[in-house]
Amino acid sequence: MRLRTEAVTMIVDICNRYKDEPSPLMLILSDVQKEYGYIPLEVQEIISAKTGIPVSDIYGVVTFYNFFSLYPKGKYVIGVCIGTACYVKGGQNVLDKFSELLKIKPGQTSEDGLFSLDGLRCLGACGIAPAISINGKVYPKVTLAEIPDIIKEYRDKESK
């Protein structure tokens, strides 16, 4: 994949913005994720060239934190909590049902580009487990029976 000139310029500008920071990587990656939407290898190589940070270190950070992505995200990012409280209350089953209905695995985006699915370690919503988040909107005590309607709600938004 070859990045467009505008994208390269934007990434270089972000790197330059933090050139005087003692530890700029998280700041750079955060801004690139916000502006570009994801952080593929080609972007990591530009960041490496501008900062001197090895690509292997950048890749390690990008893959460690779930708020960074190597791939484009869908319009609606579904985060299913599978932390302890949610897991005990059926969070894994909720994740599996979304995966089955959307025909994607966690970390993937649906073919139509509408949905991305992520398994999250904690939403901070243990009292309403199992919980999911879609673009920041939290759904409490999600049951398997509700999942088709939740998906339909977002699909219907697109047909209006």
N, C-alpha and C. Protein backbone atom coordinates (compact mmCIF):
# COMPACT_ATOMS: atom_id res chain seq x y z
N MET A 1 0.85 -1.18 0.00
CA MET A 1 0.00 0.00 0.00
C MET A 1 0.89 1.24 0.00
N ARG A 2 0.52 2.19 -0.77
CA ARG A 2 1.28 3.44 -0.84
C ARG A 2 0.42 4.56 -0.28
N LEU A 3 0.99 5.31 0.65
CA LEU A 3 0.25 6.41 1.27
C LEU A 3 0.18 7.61 0.34
N ARG A 4 -0.93 8.31 0.39
CA ARG A 4 -1.06 9.54 -0.39
C ARG A 4 -0.13 10.61 0.19
N THR A 5 0.27 11.53 -0.64
CA THR A 5 1.19 12.60 -0.24
C THR A 5 0.62 13.39 0.94
N GLU A 6 -0.69 13.65 0.91
CA GLU A 6 -1.33 14.40 2.01
C GLU A 6 -1.19 13.66 3.33
N ALA A 7 -1.33 12.34 3.29
CA ALA A 7 -1.22 11.54 4.51
C ALA A 7 0.20 11.58 5.06
N VAL A 8 1.17 11.45 4.18
CA VAL A 8 2.57 11.51 4.61
C VAL A 8 2.87 12.87 5.24
N THR A 9 2.41 13.93 4.59
CA THR A 9 2.62 15.29 5.12
C THR A 9 2.00 15.44 6.50
N MET A 10 0.79 14.94 6.66
CA MET A 10 0.10 15.02 7.95
C MET A 10 0.87 14.27 9.03
N ILE A 11 1.37 13.08 8.72
CA ILE A 11 2.12 12.28 9.70
C ILE A 11 3.43 12.97 10.07
N VAL A 12 4.12 13.50 9.08
CA VAL A 12 5.37 14.23 9.33
C VAL A 12 5.09 15.46 10.19
N ASP A 13 4.01 16.18 9.90
CA ASP A 13 3.65 17.36 10.70
C ASP A 13 3.39 16.98 12.16
N ILE A 14 2.70 15.87 12.36
CA ILE A 14 2.43 15.41 13.73
C ILE A 14 3.75 15.08 14.43
N CYS A 15 4.65 14.39 13.75
CA CYS A 15 5.95 14.05 14.34
C CYS A 15 6.71 15.33 14.71
N ASN A 16 6.69 16.31 13.82
CA ASN A 16 7.39 17.57 14.07
C ASN A 16 6.80 18.32 15.26
N ARG A 17 5.50 18.20 15.44
CA ARG A 17 4.81 18.86 16.54
C ARG A 17 5.39 18.44 17.90
N TYR A 18 5.89 17.21 17.99
CA TYR A 18 6.37 16.67 19.26
C TYR A 18 7.89 16.45 19.29
N LYS A 19 8.62 17.09 18.40
CA LYS A 19 10.06 16.84 18.28
C LYS A 19 10.84 17.21 19.54
N ASP A 20 10.31 18.13 20.34
CA ASP A 20 11.04 18.54 21.54
C ASP A 20 10.58 17.81 22.80
N GLU A 21 9.65 16.90 22.65
CA GLU A 21 9.18 16.11 23.79
C GLU A 21 10.20 15.02 24.12
N PRO A 22 10.43 14.76 25.41
CA PRO A 22 11.39 13.70 25.76
C PRO A 22 10.90 12.30 25.40
N SER A 23 9.60 12.06 25.46
CA SER A 23 9.01 10.76 25.11
C SER A 23 7.80 11.01 24.22
N PRO A 24 8.01 11.22 22.93
CA PRO A 24 6.91 11.66 22.07
C PRO A 24 6.02 10.56 21.50
N LEU A 25 6.39 9.31 21.62
CA LEU A 25 5.71 8.26 20.86
C LEU A 25 4.20 8.18 21.11
N MET A 26 3.77 8.14 22.37
CA MET A 26 2.33 8.02 22.66
C MET A 26 1.57 9.24 22.12
N LEU A 27 2.15 10.41 22.22
CA LEU A 27 1.50 11.63 21.71
C LEU A 27 1.36 11.56 20.20
N ILE A 28 2.42 11.13 19.53
CA ILE A 28 2.40 11.01 18.07
C ILE A 28 1.38 9.97 17.64
N LEU A 29 1.44 8.80 18.25
CA LEU A 29 0.51 7.72 17.86
C LEU A 29 -0.94 8.12 18.11
N SER A 30 -1.19 8.78 19.23
CA SER A 30 -2.55 9.22 19.53
C SER A 30 -3.07 10.19 18.48
N ASP A 31 -2.26 11.16 18.11
CA ASP A 31 -2.68 12.14 17.09
C ASP A 31 -2.84 11.49 15.72
N VAL A 32 -1.93 10.58 15.37
CA VAL A 32 -2.04 9.90 14.08
C VAL A 32 -3.30 9.05 14.04
N GLN A 33 -3.58 8.33 15.13
CA GLN A 33 -4.80 7.51 15.18
C GLN A 33 -6.03 8.40 15.00
N LYS A 34 -6.06 9.56 15.66
CA LYS A 34 -7.20 10.49 15.55
C LYS A 34 -7.35 11.02 14.12
N GLU A 35 -6.24 11.40 13.51
CA GLU A 35 -6.28 12.04 12.20
C GLU A 35 -6.39 11.05 11.04
N TYR A 36 -5.65 9.95 11.13
CA TYR A 36 -5.57 9.01 10.01
C TYR A 36 -6.54 7.84 10.18
N GLY A 37 -6.89 7.55 11.45
CA GLY A 37 -7.87 6.49 11.70
C GLY A 37 -7.28 5.16 12.11
N TYR A 38 -6.05 4.91 11.72
CA TYR A 38 -5.36 3.68 12.11
C TYR A 38 -3.87 3.87 11.86
N ILE A 39 -3.07 2.88 12.27
CA ILE A 39 -1.62 3.03 12.22
C ILE A 39 -0.98 1.80 11.57
N PRO A 40 -1.07 1.70 10.24
CA PRO A 40 -0.48 0.56 9.54
C PRO A 40 1.05 0.64 9.52
N LEU A 41 1.68 -0.42 9.07
CA LEU A 41 3.14 -0.49 9.05
C LEU A 41 3.78 0.68 8.30
N GLU A 42 3.18 1.09 7.18
CA GLU A 42 3.74 2.19 6.39
C GLU A 42 3.80 3.48 7.21
N VAL A 43 2.81 3.70 8.03
CA VAL A 43 2.77 4.88 8.90
C VAL A 43 3.83 4.74 10.00
N GLN A 44 3.94 3.55 10.55
CA GLN A 44 4.95 3.30 11.58
C GLN A 44 6.36 3.55 11.05
N GLU A 45 6.59 3.20 9.80
CA GLU A 45 7.91 3.42 9.19
C GLU A 45 8.22 4.91 9.06
N ILE A 46 7.23 5.72 8.74
CA ILE A 46 7.43 7.18 8.66
C ILE A 46 7.75 7.73 10.04
N ILE A 47 6.98 7.29 11.04
CA ILE A 47 7.21 7.75 12.41
C ILE A 47 8.62 7.35 12.85
N SER A 48 9.03 6.16 12.53
CA SER A 48 10.37 5.69 12.87
C SER A 48 11.45 6.55 12.23
N ALA A 49 11.26 6.84 10.95
CA ALA A 49 12.25 7.67 10.23
C ALA A 49 12.34 9.07 10.83
N LYS A 50 11.22 9.62 11.26
CA LYS A 50 11.21 10.99 11.81
C LYS A 50 11.71 11.05 13.25
N THR A 51 11.50 9.98 14.02
CA THR A 51 11.83 10.04 15.45
C THR A 51 13.08 9.24 15.83
N GLY A 52 13.49 8.32 14.97
CA GLY A 52 14.60 7.44 15.31
C GLY A 52 14.20 6.28 16.20
N ILE A 53 12.92 6.16 16.49
CA ILE A 53 12.42 5.04 17.30
C ILE A 53 12.27 3.84 16.38
N PRO A 54 12.85 2.68 16.74
CA PRO A 54 12.74 1.50 15.87
C PRO A 54 11.29 1.10 15.60
N VAL A 55 11.02 0.66 14.38
CA VAL A 55 9.67 0.21 14.01
C VAL A 55 9.19 -0.88 14.96
N SER A 56 10.08 -1.76 15.39
CA SER A 56 9.68 -2.84 16.29
C SER A 56 9.13 -2.28 17.61
N ASP A 57 9.72 -1.19 18.11
CA ASP A 57 9.21 -0.57 19.34
C ASP A 57 7.85 0.08 19.09
N ILE A 58 7.71 0.74 17.95
CA ILE A 58 6.44 1.39 17.61
C ILE A 58 5.35 0.33 17.46
N TYR A 59 5.66 -0.74 16.75
CA TYR A 59 4.71 -1.83 16.55
C TYR A 59 4.28 -2.42 17.90
N GLY A 60 5.23 -2.58 18.80
CA GLY A 60 4.93 -3.12 20.12
C GLY A 60 3.93 -2.26 20.88
N VAL A 61 4.07 -0.95 20.78
CA VAL A 61 3.14 -0.04 21.44
C VAL A 61 1.77 -0.08 20.76
N VAL A 62 1.76 -0.05 19.44
CA VAL A 62 0.50 -0.05 18.68
C VAL A 62 -0.30 -1.32 18.97
N THR A 63 0.36 -2.45 19.07
CA THR A 63 -0.35 -3.71 19.29
C THR A 63 -0.67 -3.97 20.77
N PHE A 64 0.02 -3.27 21.67
CA PHE A 64 -0.24 -3.46 23.10
C PHE A 64 -1.52 -2.76 23.55
N TYR A 65 -1.71 -1.53 23.09
CA TYR A 65 -2.85 -0.73 23.52
C TYR A 65 -4.03 -0.92 22.57
N ASN A 66 -5.22 -1.24 23.13
CA ASN A 66 -6.36 -1.54 22.27
C ASN A 66 -6.97 -0.30 21.62
N PHE A 67 -6.57 0.90 22.03
CA PHE A 67 -7.12 2.09 21.39
C PHE A 67 -6.37 2.46 20.12
N PHE A 68 -5.26 1.75 19.84
CA PHE A 68 -4.57 1.91 18.56
C PHE A 68 -4.98 0.75 17.67
N SER A 69 -4.97 0.98 16.37
CA SER A 69 -5.38 -0.07 15.45
C SER A 69 -4.44 -0.13 14.25
N LEU A 70 -4.14 -1.35 13.82
CA LEU A 70 -3.34 -1.57 12.61
C LEU A 70 -4.19 -1.51 11.35
N TYR A 71 -5.52 -1.56 11.53
CA TYR A 71 -6.44 -1.63 10.40
C TYR A 71 -7.51 -0.55 10.52
N PRO A 72 -8.12 -0.17 9.40
CA PRO A 72 -9.20 0.82 9.49
C PRO A 72 -10.35 0.28 10.33
N LYS A 73 -10.94 1.15 11.11
CA LYS A 73 -12.08 0.79 11.95
C LYS A 73 -13.37 1.07 11.20
N GLY A 74 -14.42 0.36 11.58
CA GLY A 74 -15.73 0.60 11.00
C GLY A 74 -16.33 1.89 11.54
N LYS A 75 -17.42 2.29 10.96
CA LYS A 75 -18.11 3.50 11.41
C LYS A 75 -18.57 3.34 12.85
N TYR A 76 -18.99 2.12 13.21
CA TYR A 76 -19.44 1.83 14.56
C TYR A 76 -18.49 0.80 15.18
N VAL A 77 -17.80 1.21 16.23
CA VAL A 77 -16.86 0.33 16.90
C VAL A 77 -17.55 -0.26 18.13
N ILE A 78 -17.73 -1.57 18.08
CA ILE A 78 -18.39 -2.28 19.17
C ILE A 78 -17.31 -2.85 20.08
N GLY A 79 -17.31 -2.39 21.31
CA GLY A 79 -16.39 -2.91 22.32
C GLY A 79 -17.17 -3.75 23.31
N VAL A 80 -16.85 -5.02 23.37
CA VAL A 80 -17.53 -5.92 24.30
C VAL A 80 -16.59 -6.20 25.47
N CYS A 81 -17.05 -5.87 26.67
CA CYS A 81 -16.22 -6.09 27.84
C CYS A 81 -16.13 -7.58 28.14
N ILE A 82 -14.90 -8.05 28.29
CA ILE A 82 -14.69 -9.43 28.71
C ILE A 82 -13.78 -9.46 29.94
N GLY A 83 -13.82 -8.35 30.69
CA GLY A 83 -13.15 -8.32 31.99
C GLY A 83 -13.84 -9.28 32.93
N THR A 84 -13.31 -9.45 34.11
CA THR A 84 -13.78 -10.48 35.04
C THR A 84 -15.29 -10.43 35.29
N ALA A 85 -15.81 -9.28 35.70
CA ALA A 85 -17.24 -9.19 36.04
C ALA A 85 -18.10 -9.48 34.82
N CYS A 86 -17.74 -8.91 33.67
CA CYS A 86 -18.53 -9.13 32.46
C CYS A 86 -18.38 -10.58 31.97
N TYR A 87 -17.18 -11.11 32.08
CA TYR A 87 -16.95 -12.49 31.64
C TYR A 87 -17.84 -13.45 32.43
N VAL A 88 -17.85 -13.26 33.76
CA VAL A 88 -18.65 -14.13 34.63
C VAL A 88 -20.14 -14.03 34.29
N LYS A 89 -20.58 -12.85 33.85
CA LYS A 89 -22.00 -12.63 33.53
C LYS A 89 -22.31 -12.92 32.06
N GLY A 90 -21.36 -13.49 31.30
CA GLY A 90 -21.64 -13.90 29.93
C GLY A 90 -21.04 -13.02 28.85
N GLY A 91 -20.07 -12.19 29.21
CA GLY A 91 -19.44 -11.30 28.23
C GLY A 91 -18.84 -12.01 27.03
N GLN A 92 -18.23 -13.16 27.25
CA GLN A 92 -17.65 -13.91 26.13
C GLN A 92 -18.74 -14.38 25.17
N ASN A 93 -19.87 -14.80 25.72
CA ASN A 93 -20.99 -15.22 24.87
C ASN A 93 -21.53 -14.05 24.05
N VAL A 94 -21.55 -12.86 24.64
CA VAL A 94 -21.99 -11.66 23.94
C VAL A 94 -21.02 -11.36 22.79
N LEU A 95 -19.73 -11.43 23.08
CA LEU A 95 -18.72 -11.21 22.04
C LEU A 95 -18.87 -12.24 20.91
N ASP A 96 -19.05 -13.49 21.28
CA ASP A 96 -19.21 -14.55 20.28
C ASP A 96 -20.45 -14.34 19.42
N LYS A 97 -21.53 -13.85 20.01
CA LYS A 97 -22.77 -13.62 19.26
C LYS A 97 -22.60 -12.47 18.27
N PHE A 98 -21.97 -11.38 18.70
CA PHE A 98 -21.69 -10.28 17.76
C PHE A 98 -20.82 -10.80 16.62
N SER A 99 -19.82 -11.58 16.96
CA SER A 99 -18.91 -12.14 15.97
C SER A 99 -19.67 -12.99 14.96
N GLU A 100 -20.55 -13.84 15.45
CA GLU A 100 -21.35 -14.72 14.58
C GLU A 100 -22.26 -13.91 13.65
N LEU A 101 -22.99 -12.94 14.21
CA LEU A 101 -23.96 -12.19 13.42
C LEU A 101 -23.30 -11.23 12.42
N LEU A 102 -22.16 -10.65 12.82
CA LEU A 102 -21.47 -9.72 11.92
C LEU A 102 -20.49 -10.43 10.99
N LYS A 103 -20.26 -11.71 11.25
CA LYS A 103 -19.33 -12.53 10.46
C LYS A 103 -17.91 -11.95 10.46
N ILE A 104 -17.49 -11.49 11.64
CA ILE A 104 -16.13 -11.00 11.84
C ILE A 104 -15.63 -11.47 13.19
N LYS A 105 -14.33 -11.53 13.32
CA LYS A 105 -13.70 -11.87 14.59
C LYS A 105 -13.30 -10.58 15.30
N PRO A 106 -13.08 -10.65 16.60
CA PRO A 106 -12.57 -9.46 17.30
C PRO A 106 -11.31 -8.94 16.61
N GLY A 107 -11.26 -7.62 16.46
CA GLY A 107 -10.14 -7.00 15.78
C GLY A 107 -10.39 -6.78 14.29
N GLN A 108 -11.53 -7.26 13.80
CA GLN A 108 -11.84 -7.13 12.37
C GLN A 108 -12.96 -6.13 12.14
N THR A 109 -13.11 -5.76 10.88
CA THR A 109 -14.17 -4.84 10.45
C THR A 109 -15.04 -5.56 9.43
N SER A 110 -16.35 -5.33 9.52
CA SER A 110 -17.28 -5.97 8.59
C SER A 110 -17.01 -5.51 7.16
N GLU A 111 -17.38 -6.36 6.20
CA GLU A 111 -17.14 -6.07 4.78
C GLU A 111 -17.73 -4.75 4.34
N ASP A 112 -18.88 -4.38 4.90
CA ASP A 112 -19.52 -3.13 4.51
C ASP A 112 -18.89 -1.91 5.19
N GLY A 113 -17.91 -2.14 6.07
CA GLY A 113 -17.22 -1.03 6.74
C GLY A 113 -18.02 -0.40 7.86
N LEU A 114 -19.16 -0.98 8.19
CA LEU A 114 -19.99 -0.38 9.24
C LEU A 114 -19.52 -0.71 10.64
N PHE A 115 -19.11 -1.96 10.87
CA PHE A 115 -18.82 -2.40 12.23
C PHE A 115 -17.40 -2.92 12.40
N SER A 116 -16.81 -2.55 13.52
CA SER A 116 -15.59 -3.19 14.00
C SER A 116 -15.93 -3.80 15.34
N LEU A 117 -15.27 -4.89 15.67
CA LEU A 117 -15.56 -5.61 16.90
C LEU A 117 -14.28 -5.77 17.71
N ASP A 118 -14.35 -5.39 18.97
CA ASP A 118 -13.20 -5.53 19.86
C ASP A 118 -13.64 -6.13 21.18
N GLY A 119 -12.80 -7.02 21.71
CA GLY A 119 -12.98 -7.52 23.06
C GLY A 119 -12.15 -6.62 23.98
N LEU A 120 -12.79 -6.02 24.98
CA LEU A 120 -12.11 -5.09 25.87
C LEU A 120 -11.92 -5.71 27.24
N ARG A 121 -10.86 -5.34 27.89
CA ARG A 121 -10.57 -5.88 29.22
C ARG A 121 -11.44 -5.27 30.30
N CYS A 122 -11.86 -4.02 30.13
CA CYS A 122 -12.72 -3.40 31.14
C CYS A 122 -13.33 -2.13 30.59
N LEU A 123 -14.61 -1.96 30.82
CA LEU A 123 -15.30 -0.71 30.49
C LEU A 123 -15.52 0.14 31.73
N GLY A 124 -15.18 -0.40 32.90
CA GLY A 124 -15.44 0.31 34.14
C GLY A 124 -16.92 0.32 34.48
N ALA A 125 -17.61 -0.71 34.04
CA ALA A 125 -19.06 -0.78 34.24
C ALA A 125 -19.45 -2.12 34.85
N CYS A 126 -18.69 -2.55 35.85
CA CYS A 126 -18.88 -3.88 36.42
C CYS A 126 -20.28 -4.09 37.00
N GLY A 127 -20.89 -3.04 37.51
CA GLY A 127 -22.22 -3.15 38.10
C GLY A 127 -23.33 -3.40 37.10
N ILE A 128 -23.03 -3.20 35.82
CA ILE A 128 -24.05 -3.40 34.78
C ILE A 128 -23.61 -4.46 33.77
N ALA A 129 -22.81 -5.41 34.27
CA ALA A 129 -22.27 -6.47 33.42
C ALA A 129 -23.35 -7.42 32.94
N PRO A 130 -23.20 -7.97 31.73
CA PRO A 130 -22.15 -7.68 30.75
C PRO A 130 -22.48 -6.39 29.98
N ALA A 131 -21.46 -5.60 29.78
CA ALA A 131 -21.66 -4.31 29.14
C ALA A 131 -20.92 -4.25 27.81
N ILE A 132 -21.47 -3.45 26.90
CA ILE A 132 -20.79 -3.18 25.63
C ILE A 132 -20.79 -1.67 25.42
N SER A 133 -19.92 -1.23 24.53
CA SER A 133 -19.85 0.18 24.18
C SER A 133 -19.82 0.26 22.66
N ILE A 134 -20.64 1.14 22.10
CA ILE A 134 -20.62 1.38 20.66
C ILE A 134 -20.38 2.87 20.47
N ASN A 135 -19.19 3.19 19.97
CA ASN A 135 -18.78 4.59 19.79
C ASN A 135 -19.02 5.41 21.06
N GLY A 136 -18.75 4.81 22.20
CA GLY A 136 -18.86 5.51 23.47
C GLY A 136 -20.20 5.37 24.18
N LYS A 137 -21.23 4.91 23.49
CA LYS A 137 -22.53 4.69 24.13
C LYS A 137 -22.51 3.31 24.80
N VAL A 138 -22.76 3.29 26.10
CA VAL A 138 -22.69 2.05 26.86
C VAL A 138 -24.08 1.40 26.94
N TYR A 139 -24.09 0.10 26.68
CA TYR A 139 -25.31 -0.70 26.79
C TYR A 139 -25.15 -1.62 28.00
N PRO A 140 -26.04 -1.53 29.00
CA PRO A 140 -25.91 -2.34 30.21
C PRO A 140 -26.60 -3.70 30.10
N LYS A 141 -26.08 -4.65 30.85
CA LYS A 141 -26.70 -5.96 31.02
C LYS A 141 -27.21 -6.54 29.70
N VAL A 142 -26.34 -6.59 28.72
CA VAL A 142 -26.71 -7.04 27.38
C VAL A 142 -26.99 -8.54 27.38
N THR A 143 -28.12 -8.91 26.78
CA THR A 143 -28.47 -10.32 26.64
C THR A 143 -28.24 -10.74 25.18
N LEU A 144 -28.10 -12.02 24.97
CA LEU A 144 -27.91 -12.54 23.62
C LEU A 144 -29.11 -12.20 22.73
N ALA A 145 -30.30 -12.19 23.31
CA ALA A 145 -31.51 -11.90 22.54
C ALA A 145 -31.55 -10.45 22.05
N GLU A 146 -30.88 -9.54 22.74
CA GLU A 146 -30.88 -8.12 22.36
C GLU A 146 -29.92 -7.80 21.21
N ILE A 147 -28.95 -8.63 21.00
CA ILE A 147 -27.87 -8.31 20.07
C ILE A 147 -28.36 -8.08 18.63
N PRO A 148 -29.26 -8.92 18.08
CA PRO A 148 -29.73 -8.62 16.72
C PRO A 148 -30.39 -7.24 16.61
N ASP A 149 -31.14 -6.84 17.65
CA ASP A 149 -31.79 -5.53 17.63
C ASP A 149 -30.78 -4.39 17.74
N ILE A 150 -29.73 -4.60 18.50
CA ILE A 150 -28.68 -3.58 18.61
C ILE A 150 -28.02 -3.37 17.26
N ILE A 151 -27.69 -4.46 16.58
CA ILE A 151 -27.09 -4.36 15.25
C ILE A 151 -28.05 -3.68 14.28
N LYS A 152 -29.32 -4.07 14.35
CA LYS A 152 -30.34 -3.50 13.46
C LYS A 152 -30.47 -1.99 13.69
N GLU A 153 -30.40 -1.56 14.94
CA GLU A 153 -30.48 -0.13 15.26
C GLU A 153 -29.45 0.68 14.46
N TYR A 154 -28.24 0.16 14.39
CA TYR A 154 -27.18 0.88 13.68
C TYR A 154 -27.28 0.72 12.17
N ARG A 155 -27.72 -0.43 11.71
CA ARG A 155 -27.94 -0.61 10.28
C ARG A 155 -29.06 0.32 9.79
N ASP A 156 -30.11 0.45 10.61
CA ASP A 156 -31.22 1.33 10.25
C ASP A 156 -30.79 2.79 10.13
N LYS A 157 -29.84 3.20 10.96
CA LYS A 157 -29.31 4.58 10.88
C LYS A 157 -28.72 4.84 9.49
N GLU A 158 -28.16 3.81 8.91
CA GLU A 158 -27.50 3.96 7.60
C GLU A 158 -28.49 4.01 6.45
N SER A 159 -29.69 3.45 6.66
CA SER A 159 -30.65 3.42 5.56
C SER A 159 -31.55 4.66 5.54
N LYS A 160 -31.33 5.56 6.48
CA LYS A 160 -32.14 6.79 6.53
C LYS A 160 -31.52 7.87 5.70
